[in-house]
Amino acid sequence: YVPWNFHEPQPGQYQFSGEQDVEYFIKLAHELGLLVILRPGPYICAEWDMGGLPAWLLLKESIILRSSDP
């Protein structure tokens, strides 16, 4: 999974270095002869807090998270 809230903890503040370096992870897996199934968000199910959605979305009045309204 590539959780949105792990890579954008604040609006516009993107983090893709250190343990958040997706490119490095994929290259390392390749060097080790491993395959990667990359599953980007935004929603990645219950395995991650708020399904990987960033908490700052709750501050936006125009956004309704996880609604059954089509």
N, C-alpha and C. Protein backbone atom coordinates (compact mmCIF):
# COMPACT_ATOMS: atom_id res chain seq x y z
N TYR A 1 0.82 -1.20 0.00
CA TYR A 1 0.00 0.00 0.00
C TYR A 1 0.86 1.26 0.00
N VAL A 2 0.32 2.32 -0.59
CA VAL A 2 0.95 3.64 -0.53
C VAL A 2 -0.08 4.56 0.14
N PRO A 3 -0.04 4.65 1.47
CA PRO A 3 -1.04 5.44 2.18
C PRO A 3 -0.86 6.94 1.97
N TRP A 4 -1.94 7.59 1.62
CA TRP A 4 -1.93 9.02 1.37
C TRP A 4 -1.46 9.78 2.61
N ASN A 5 -1.99 9.42 3.79
CA ASN A 5 -1.66 10.17 5.00
C ASN A 5 -0.20 10.01 5.43
N PHE A 6 0.47 8.99 4.95
CA PHE A 6 1.89 8.77 5.27
C PHE A 6 2.77 9.66 4.41
N HIS A 7 2.30 10.00 3.22
CA HIS A 7 3.10 10.77 2.28
C HIS A 7 2.67 12.23 2.15
N GLU A 8 1.54 12.61 2.70
CA GLU A 8 1.11 14.01 2.73
C GLU A 8 0.43 14.29 4.08
N PRO A 9 1.24 14.38 5.15
CA PRO A 9 0.66 14.56 6.49
C PRO A 9 -0.04 15.90 6.67
N GLN A 10 0.38 16.91 5.92
CA GLN A 10 -0.25 18.23 5.91
C GLN A 10 -0.53 18.58 4.45
N PRO A 11 -1.55 19.37 4.18
CA PRO A 11 -1.85 19.72 2.79
C PRO A 11 -0.64 20.32 2.08
N GLY A 12 -0.27 19.74 0.96
CA GLY A 12 0.85 20.24 0.16
C GLY A 12 2.22 19.89 0.68
N GLN A 13 2.32 19.17 1.80
CA GLN A 13 3.61 18.80 2.38
C GLN A 13 3.86 17.32 2.07
N TYR A 14 4.56 17.08 0.95
CA TYR A 14 4.79 15.72 0.48
C TYR A 14 6.09 15.16 1.04
N GLN A 15 6.07 13.90 1.41
CA GLN A 15 7.25 13.26 1.99
C GLN A 15 7.53 11.94 1.27
N PHE A 16 8.64 11.92 0.54
CA PHE A 16 9.03 10.71 -0.19
C PHE A 16 10.51 10.42 0.01
N SER A 17 11.01 10.64 1.22
CA SER A 17 12.40 10.32 1.53
C SER A 17 12.44 9.42 2.76
N GLY A 18 13.61 8.84 3.02
CA GLY A 18 13.75 7.94 4.16
C GLY A 18 12.82 6.75 4.03
N GLU A 19 12.10 6.43 5.08
CA GLU A 19 11.21 5.27 5.05
C GLU A 19 9.99 5.49 4.15
N GLN A 20 9.82 6.70 3.66
CA GLN A 20 8.70 7.01 2.76
C GLN A 20 9.12 7.00 1.29
N ASP A 21 10.33 6.57 1.01
CA ASP A 21 10.88 6.57 -0.35
C ASP A 21 10.39 5.34 -1.12
N VAL A 22 9.32 5.51 -1.85
CA VAL A 22 8.70 4.41 -2.59
C VAL A 22 9.63 3.92 -3.69
N GLU A 23 10.27 4.85 -4.39
CA GLU A 23 11.18 4.46 -5.47
C GLU A 23 12.32 3.59 -4.95
N TYR A 24 12.91 3.97 -3.82
CA TYR A 24 13.99 3.17 -3.24
C TYR A 24 13.50 1.77 -2.87
N PHE A 25 12.32 1.69 -2.29
CA PHE A 25 11.75 0.40 -1.90
C PHE A 25 11.60 -0.52 -3.12
N ILE A 26 11.08 0.03 -4.21
CA ILE A 26 10.88 -0.77 -5.42
C ILE A 26 12.21 -1.21 -6.00
N LYS A 27 13.19 -0.31 -6.04
CA LYS A 27 14.52 -0.66 -6.56
C LYS A 27 15.19 -1.71 -5.68
N LEU A 28 15.08 -1.58 -4.38
CA LEU A 28 15.67 -2.56 -3.46
C LEU A 28 15.02 -3.93 -3.65
N ALA A 29 13.73 -3.95 -3.77
CA ALA A 29 13.03 -5.22 -4.00
C ALA A 29 13.52 -5.86 -5.30
N HIS A 30 13.70 -5.05 -6.34
CA HIS A 30 14.20 -5.56 -7.62
C HIS A 30 15.60 -6.16 -7.47
N GLU A 31 16.48 -5.44 -6.76
CA GLU A 31 17.85 -5.92 -6.54
C GLU A 31 17.86 -7.25 -5.79
N LEU A 32 16.89 -7.45 -4.93
CA LEU A 32 16.80 -8.68 -4.14
C LEU A 32 16.02 -9.78 -4.87
N GLY A 33 15.59 -9.47 -6.08
CA GLY A 33 14.85 -10.45 -6.87
C GLY A 33 13.40 -10.62 -6.43
N LEU A 34 12.88 -9.61 -5.78
CA LEU A 34 11.49 -9.67 -5.31
C LEU A 34 10.57 -8.88 -6.23
N LEU A 35 9.35 -9.31 -6.32
CA LEU A 35 8.33 -8.58 -7.07
C LEU A 35 7.55 -7.69 -6.10
N VAL A 36 7.04 -6.59 -6.60
CA VAL A 36 6.27 -5.66 -5.78
C VAL A 36 4.88 -5.50 -6.40
N ILE A 37 3.88 -5.62 -5.57
CA ILE A 37 2.52 -5.26 -5.98
C ILE A 37 2.22 -3.93 -5.30
N LEU A 38 2.23 -2.87 -6.08
CA LEU A 38 2.05 -1.52 -5.54
C LEU A 38 0.57 -1.17 -5.55
N ARG A 39 0.06 -0.83 -4.38
CA ARG A 39 -1.35 -0.48 -4.25
C ARG A 39 -1.47 0.93 -3.70
N PRO A 40 -1.52 1.93 -4.58
CA PRO A 40 -1.65 3.31 -4.12
C PRO A 40 -3.05 3.61 -3.60
N GLY A 41 -3.13 4.60 -2.70
CA GLY A 41 -4.42 5.02 -2.16
C GLY A 41 -5.25 5.72 -3.22
N PRO A 42 -6.20 6.56 -2.86
CA PRO A 42 -6.24 7.21 -1.57
C PRO A 42 -6.77 6.34 -0.43
N TYR A 43 -7.73 5.47 -0.68
CA TYR A 43 -8.29 4.67 0.42
C TYR A 43 -7.72 3.26 0.34
N ILE A 44 -7.15 2.79 1.46
CA ILE A 44 -6.49 1.48 1.44
C ILE A 44 -7.08 0.51 2.47
N CYS A 45 -8.31 0.73 2.87
CA CYS A 45 -9.04 -0.16 3.78
C CYS A 45 -8.64 0.02 5.24
N ALA A 46 -9.06 -0.92 6.05
CA ALA A 46 -8.96 -0.79 7.50
C ALA A 46 -7.58 -1.10 8.06
N GLU A 47 -6.65 -1.51 7.23
CA GLU A 47 -5.32 -1.85 7.73
C GLU A 47 -4.54 -0.63 8.22
N TRP A 48 -5.02 0.55 7.91
CA TRP A 48 -4.30 1.78 8.22
C TRP A 48 -5.28 2.78 8.81
N ASP A 49 -4.82 3.61 9.74
CA ASP A 49 -5.67 4.60 10.39
C ASP A 49 -6.43 5.43 9.35
N MET A 50 -7.72 5.53 9.50
CA MET A 50 -8.63 6.24 8.58
C MET A 50 -8.51 5.74 7.15
N GLY A 51 -8.10 4.50 6.99
CA GLY A 51 -7.99 3.93 5.66
C GLY A 51 -6.92 4.57 4.80
N GLY A 52 -5.99 5.28 5.44
CA GLY A 52 -4.92 5.96 4.72
C GLY A 52 -5.26 7.38 4.31
N LEU A 53 -6.49 7.80 4.58
CA LEU A 53 -6.86 9.18 4.27
C LEU A 53 -6.27 10.11 5.32
N PRO A 54 -5.73 11.26 4.92
CA PRO A 54 -5.14 12.17 5.90
C PRO A 54 -6.20 12.82 6.80
N ALA A 55 -5.86 12.96 8.07
CA ALA A 55 -6.79 13.54 9.04
C ALA A 55 -7.17 14.98 8.69
N TRP A 56 -6.28 15.69 7.99
CA TRP A 56 -6.59 17.08 7.66
C TRP A 56 -7.79 17.20 6.72
N LEU A 57 -8.20 16.11 6.09
CA LEU A 57 -9.41 16.15 5.26
C LEU A 57 -10.65 16.44 6.11
N LEU A 58 -10.62 16.04 7.38
CA LEU A 58 -11.75 16.26 8.27
C LEU A 58 -12.01 17.74 8.52
N LEU A 59 -11.01 18.58 8.30
CA LEU A 59 -11.16 20.02 8.51
C LEU A 59 -11.85 20.71 7.34
N LYS A 60 -12.00 20.03 6.23
CA LYS A 60 -12.62 20.61 5.03
C LYS A 60 -14.13 20.34 5.06
N GLU A 61 -14.91 21.41 5.15
CA GLU A 61 -16.37 21.26 5.25
C GLU A 61 -16.98 20.67 3.99
N SER A 62 -16.34 20.88 2.85
CA SER A 62 -16.91 20.42 1.58
C SER A 62 -16.69 18.93 1.33
N ILE A 63 -15.94 18.27 2.21
CA ILE A 63 -15.62 16.86 2.02
C ILE A 63 -16.36 16.00 3.05
N ILE A 64 -17.02 14.97 2.56
CA ILE A 64 -17.67 14.00 3.44
C ILE A 64 -16.95 12.68 3.25
N LEU A 65 -16.34 12.19 4.31
CA LEU A 65 -15.57 10.96 4.22
C LEU A 65 -16.47 9.74 4.42
N ARG A 66 -16.28 8.74 3.58
CA ARG A 66 -16.93 7.44 3.70
C ARG A 66 -18.45 7.54 3.80
N SER A 67 -19.04 8.16 2.83
CA SER A 67 -20.49 8.28 2.77
C SER A 67 -21.07 7.21 1.85
N SER A 68 -22.27 6.74 2.15
CA SER A 68 -22.94 5.78 1.27
C SER A 68 -23.80 6.49 0.23
N ASP A 69 -23.79 7.82 0.25
CA ASP A 69 -24.56 8.62 -0.70
C ASP A 69 -23.86 8.60 -2.06
N PRO A 70 -24.53 8.09 -3.09
CA PRO A 70 -23.88 8.02 -4.40
C PRO A 70 -23.71 9.41 -4.96
